C-alpha atoms as a PDB file:
ATOM      1  CA  MET A   1     -22.190  34.325 -36.719  1.00  0.00           C
ATOM      2  CA  ALA A   2     -21.804  30.576 -36.166  1.00  0.00           C
ATOM      3  CA  ASP A   3     -24.411  28.255 -37.491  1.00  0.00           C
ATOM      4  CA  THR A   4     -25.965  26.333 -34.563  1.00  0.00           C
ATOM      5  CA  ASP A   5     -28.129  24.043 -36.676  1.00  0.00           C
ATOM      6  CA  PRO A   6     -27.042  20.482 -35.726  1.00  0.00           C
ATOM      7  CA  SER A   7     -27.875  19.166 -39.190  1.00  0.00           C
ATOM      8  CA  SER A   8     -25.068  21.227 -40.666  1.00  0.00           C
ATOM      9  CA  SER A   9     -22.437  20.192 -38.148  1.00  0.00           C
ATOM     10  CA  ASN A  10     -20.401  17.097 -37.454  1.00  0.00           C
ATOM     11  CA  VAL A  11     -23.003  16.062 -34.847  1.00  0.00           C
ATOM     12  CA  ALA A  12     -25.378  14.911 -37.557  1.00  0.00           C
ATOM     13  CA  GLU A  13     -22.501  13.135 -39.341  1.00  0.00           C
ATOM     14  CA  ALA A  14     -21.445  11.311 -36.154  1.00  0.00           C
ATOM     15  CA  SER A  15     -24.992  10.207 -35.390  1.00  0.00           C
ATOM     16  CA  ARG A  16     -25.136   8.367 -38.741  1.00  0.00           C
ATOM     17  CA  ILE A  17     -22.073   6.256 -37.927  1.00  0.00           C
ATOM     18  CA  PRO A  18     -23.244   2.909 -36.553  1.00  0.00           C
ATOM     19  CA  ALA A  19     -21.696   1.691 -33.299  1.00  0.00           C
ATOM     20  CA  LYS A  20     -19.672  -1.503 -33.417  1.00  0.00           C
ATOM     21  CA  SER A  21     -21.700  -4.554 -32.541  1.00  0.00           C
ATOM     22  CA  GLY A  22     -21.261  -5.521 -28.891  1.00  0.00           C
ATOM     23  CA  SER A  23     -19.434  -2.333 -27.929  1.00  0.00           C
ATOM     24  CA  PRO A  24     -20.681  -0.005 -25.184  1.00  0.00           C
ATOM     25  CA  GLY A  25     -23.500   2.095 -26.547  1.00  0.00           C
ATOM     26  CA  SER A  26     -24.198  -0.420 -29.294  1.00  0.00           C
ATOM     27  CA  THR A  27     -27.811  -0.849 -30.233  1.00  0.00           C
ATOM     28  CA  SER A  28     -27.256  -4.423 -31.377  1.00  0.00           C
ATOM     29  CA  ARG A  29     -27.825  -5.795 -27.866  1.00  0.00           C
ATOM     30  CA  GLU A  30     -29.790  -4.494 -24.926  1.00  0.00           C
ATOM     31  CA  HIS A  31     -28.259  -3.301 -21.675  1.00  0.00           C
ATOM     32  CA  PRO A  32     -27.280  -4.917 -19.207  1.00  0.00           C
ATOM     33  CA  THR A  33     -26.131  -7.812 -21.364  1.00  0.00           C
ATOM     34  CA  ASP A  34     -23.623  -5.459 -23.006  1.00  0.00           C
ATOM     35  CA  GLY A  35     -20.433  -5.703 -21.016  1.00  0.00           C
ATOM     36  CA  ILE A  36     -18.129  -2.767 -20.792  1.00  0.00           C
ATOM     37  CA  PRO A  37     -14.722  -4.005 -21.894  1.00  0.00           C
ATOM     38  CA  LEU A  38     -12.058  -3.360 -19.308  1.00  0.00           C
ATOM     39  CA  PRO A  39      -8.610  -2.187 -20.319  1.00  0.00           C
ATOM     40  CA  ALA A  40      -5.622  -4.430 -19.742  1.00  0.00           C
ATOM     41  CA  HIS A  41      -4.461  -3.741 -16.193  1.00  0.00           C
ATOM     42  CA  GLY A  42      -1.125  -5.505 -16.131  1.00  0.00           C
ATOM     43  CA  PHE A  43      -1.874  -7.508 -13.004  1.00  0.00           C
ATOM     44  CA  ALA A  44      -1.562 -11.051 -14.336  1.00  0.00           C
ATOM     45  CA  LYS A  45      -1.340 -12.431 -10.795  1.00  0.00           C
ATOM     46  CA  LEU A  46      -4.835 -11.116 -10.054  1.00  0.00           C
ATOM     47  CA  ASP A  47      -6.248 -12.714 -13.196  1.00  0.00           C
ATOM     48  CA  ALA A  48      -5.024 -16.076 -11.936  1.00  0.00           C
ATOM     49  CA  PHE A  49      -6.558 -15.557  -8.448  1.00  0.00           C
ATOM     50  CA  PRO A  50      -9.234 -18.233  -8.032  1.00  0.00           C
ATOM     51  CA  LEU A  51     -12.703 -16.793  -7.650  1.00  0.00           C
ATOM     52  CA  PRO A  52     -16.028 -18.578  -7.778  1.00  0.00           C
ATOM     53  CA  GLU A  53     -18.313 -17.797 -10.709  1.00  0.00           C
ATOM     54  CA  SER A  54     -19.799 -14.617  -9.275  1.00  0.00           C
ATOM     55  CA  SER A  55     -23.098 -14.805 -11.143  1.00  0.00           C
ATOM     56  CA  ASP A  56     -24.108 -17.819  -9.053  1.00  0.00           C
ATOM     57  CA  VAL A  57     -22.728 -16.660  -5.695  1.00  0.00           C
ATOM     58  CA  PRO A  58     -24.475 -14.321  -3.233  1.00  0.00           C
ATOM     59  CA  ALA A  59     -22.766 -10.970  -2.646  1.00  0.00           C
ATOM     60  CA  ALA A  60     -22.094 -11.806   1.012  1.00  0.00           C
ATOM     61  CA  ASP A  61     -20.103 -14.880  -0.059  1.00  0.00           C
ATOM     62  CA  VAL A  62     -18.020 -12.885  -2.550  1.00  0.00           C
ATOM     63  CA  ILE A  63     -17.280 -10.277   0.136  1.00  0.00           C
ATOM     64  CA  THR A  64     -16.392 -13.026   2.628  1.00  0.00           C
ATOM     65  CA  HIS A  65     -14.034 -14.577   0.057  1.00  0.00           C
ATOM     66  CA  ALA A  66     -12.289 -11.224  -0.491  1.00  0.00           C
ATOM     67  CA  ALA A  67     -12.093 -10.565   3.253  1.00  0.00           C
ATOM     68  CA  THR A  68     -10.611 -14.011   3.885  1.00  0.00           C
ATOM     69  CA  ALA A  69      -7.963 -13.397   1.205  1.00  0.00           C
ATOM     70  CA  LEU A  70      -7.022 -10.078   2.861  1.00  0.00           C
ATOM     71  CA  LEU A  71      -7.009 -11.661   6.319  1.00  0.00           C
ATOM     72  CA  ASN A  72      -4.718 -14.506   5.205  1.00  0.00           C
ATOM     73  CA  ALA A  73      -2.371 -12.166   3.341  1.00  0.00           C
ATOM     74  CA  ALA A  74      -2.092  -9.869   6.389  1.00  0.00           C
ATOM     75  CA  ALA A  75      -1.425 -12.855   8.653  1.00  0.00           C
ATOM     76  CA  ASP A  76       1.387 -13.955   6.323  1.00  0.00           C
ATOM     77  CA  LYS A  77       2.913 -10.444   6.380  1.00  0.00           C
ATOM     78  CA  LEU A  78       2.825 -10.555  10.188  1.00  0.00           C
ATOM     79  CA  GLY A  79       4.645 -13.883  10.230  1.00  0.00           C
ATOM     80  CA  LEU A  80       1.558 -15.770  11.404  1.00  0.00           C
ATOM     81  CA  GLY A  81       1.196 -17.923   8.284  1.00  0.00           C
ATOM     82  CA  ALA A  82       2.569 -21.356   7.633  1.00  0.00           C
ATOM     83  CA  GLY A  83       6.253 -21.563   6.895  1.00  0.00           C
ATOM     84  CA  GLU A  84       9.153 -19.344   7.877  1.00  0.00           C
ATOM     85  CA  PRO A  85       7.965 -16.237   9.788  1.00  0.00           C
ATOM     86  CA  HIS A  86       8.614 -13.109   7.772  1.00  0.00           C
ATOM     87  CA  LEU A  87       7.563  -9.634   8.949  1.00  0.00           C
ATOM     88  CA  GLU A  88       6.513  -6.953   6.498  1.00  0.00           C
ATOM     89  CA  LEU A  89       4.735  -4.457   8.736  1.00  0.00           C
ATOM     90  CA  SER A  90       4.167  -1.833   6.055  1.00  0.00           C
ATOM     91  CA  GLU A  91       2.437  -4.367   3.815  1.00  0.00           C
ATOM     92  CA  ALA A  92       0.491  -5.776   6.763  1.00  0.00           C
ATOM     93  CA  ARG A  93      -0.728  -2.265   7.651  1.00  0.00           C
ATOM     94  CA  HIS A  94      -2.114  -1.786   4.134  1.00  0.00           C
ATOM     95  CA  LEU A  95      -3.827  -5.161   4.110  1.00  0.00           C
ATOM     96  CA  ILE A  96      -5.365  -4.728   7.572  1.00  0.00           C
ATOM     97  CA  THR A  97      -6.645  -1.264   6.684  1.00  0.00           C
ATOM     98  CA  ALA A  98      -8.139  -2.576   3.420  1.00  0.00           C
ATOM     99  CA  LEU A  99      -9.804  -5.417   5.340  1.00  0.00           C
ATOM    100  CA  ALA A 100     -11.189  -2.971   7.895  1.00  0.00           C
ATOM    101  CA  GLY A 101     -12.628  -0.811   5.117  1.00  0.00           C
ATOM    102  CA  LEU A 102     -14.279  -3.793   3.465  1.00  0.00           C
ATOM    103  CA  LEU A 103     -15.747  -5.017   6.750  1.00  0.00           C
ATOM    104  CA  ALA A 104     -16.896  -1.548   7.818  1.00  0.00           C
ATOM    105  CA  ALA A 105     -18.739  -1.128   4.531  1.00  0.00           C
ATOM    106  CA  SER A 106     -20.337  -4.576   4.541  1.00  0.00           C
ATOM    107  CA  LYS A 107     -20.665  -5.848   8.109  1.00  0.00           C
ATOM    108  CA  ASP A 108     -24.398  -5.116   8.319  1.00  0.00           C
ATOM    109  CA  TYR A 109     -25.287  -7.622   5.610  1.00  0.00           C
ATOM    110  CA  LEU A 110     -22.657 -10.317   6.079  1.00  0.00           C
ATOM    111  CA  GLY A 111     -24.822 -12.060   8.625  1.00  0.00           C
ATOM    112  CA  ALA A 112     -23.177 -14.833  10.636  1.00  0.00           C
ATOM    113  CA  GLU A 113     -19.936 -14.442   8.658  1.00  0.00           C
ATOM    114  CA  ALA A 114     -19.302 -10.955  10.120  1.00  0.00           C
ATOM    115  CA  LYS A 115     -18.360 -12.072  13.643  1.00  0.00           C
ATOM    116  CA  PRO A 116     -15.449 -14.412  12.759  1.00  0.00           C
ATOM    117  CA  LEU A 117     -14.084 -11.842  10.298  1.00  0.00           C
ATOM    118  CA  LEU A 118     -14.320  -9.059  12.889  1.00  0.00           C
ATOM    119  CA  ASP A 119     -12.647 -11.328  15.446  1.00  0.00           C
ATOM    120  CA  GLY A 120      -9.948 -12.087  12.891  1.00  0.00           C
ATOM    121  CA  ILE A 121      -9.176  -8.431  12.228  1.00  0.00           C
ATOM    122  CA  LYS A 122      -8.984  -7.735  15.975  1.00  0.00           C
ATOM    123  CA  THR A 123      -6.429 -10.554  16.241  1.00  0.00           C
ATOM    124  CA  LEU A 124      -4.438  -9.091  13.344  1.00  0.00           C
ATOM    125  CA  GLN A 125      -4.513  -5.628  14.889  1.00  0.00           C
ATOM    126  CA  ALA A 126      -3.249  -7.017  18.208  1.00  0.00           C
ATOM    127  CA  ALA A 127      -0.504  -8.983  16.427  1.00  0.00           C
ATOM    128  CA  PHE A 128       0.493  -5.863  14.491  1.00  0.00           C
ATOM    129  CA  ARG A 129       0.738  -3.823  17.690  1.00  0.00           C
ATOM    130  CA  GLU A 130       2.813  -6.563  19.347  1.00  0.00           C
ATOM    131  CA  ALA A 131       5.173  -6.863  16.360  1.00  0.00           C
ATOM    132  CA  SER A 132       5.738  -3.107  16.064  1.00  0.00           C
ATOM    133  CA  SER A 133       8.854  -1.601  17.608  1.00  0.00           C
ATOM    134  CA  TYR A 134       6.902   1.622  18.117  1.00  0.00           C
ATOM    135  CA  PRO A 135       3.228   0.675  18.464  1.00  0.00           C
ATOM    136  CA  ASP A 136       0.580   3.114  17.286  1.00  0.00           C
ATOM    137  CA  GLU A 137      -1.504   4.935  19.872  1.00  0.00           C
ATOM    138  CA  PRO A 138      -4.752   3.107  20.740  1.00  0.00           C
ATOM    139  CA  GLY A 139      -7.305   3.811  18.015  1.00  0.00           C
ATOM    140  CA  GLN A 140      -4.589   4.812  15.515  1.00  0.00           C
ATOM    141  CA  GLY A 141      -3.436   1.368  14.398  1.00  0.00           C
ATOM    142  CA  PRO A 142      -4.261  -0.101  11.012  1.00  0.00           C
ATOM    143  CA  GLY A 143      -8.005  -0.044  10.410  1.00  0.00           C
ATOM    144  CA  GLU A 144      -8.856   0.940  13.976  1.00  0.00           C
ATOM    145  CA  GLN A 145     -10.418   4.203  12.838  1.00  0.00           C
ATOM    146  CA  LEU A 146     -12.754   2.315  10.503  1.00  0.00           C
ATOM    147  CA  LEU A 147     -14.107  -0.265  12.934  1.00  0.00           C
ATOM    148  CA  PRO A 148     -15.245   0.549  16.474  1.00  0.00           C
END
């Protein structure tokens, strides 16, 4: 018969091992000041992407910043950006769908910023349809299922 007394198992041993200072679960600092360290992701380009200090910026502004980045990237993939027009419809589809998801999830609290972003995605969707050799059926284009 197995002994179920925790004092005689490795559970008691593990509970006596102090956590590293500053690591998740550490008792040296109180939550939420303990940050959970993120693993290296390998996306150096994203680390260099300029973002405002998010602790001082309202959530709606951070969302608007992300939406604007997606909108500009999609416009570039549709050949609407500055410079030589270059079409990458597959990439544009992904970016427009991601933008639609972000806007669908946050449009109720973006306030006055929601309308220009929604107008922008409608313009991108129309440009995508126009650039496609075989346009999607109405309501089936990138992000159209996510935004009415």
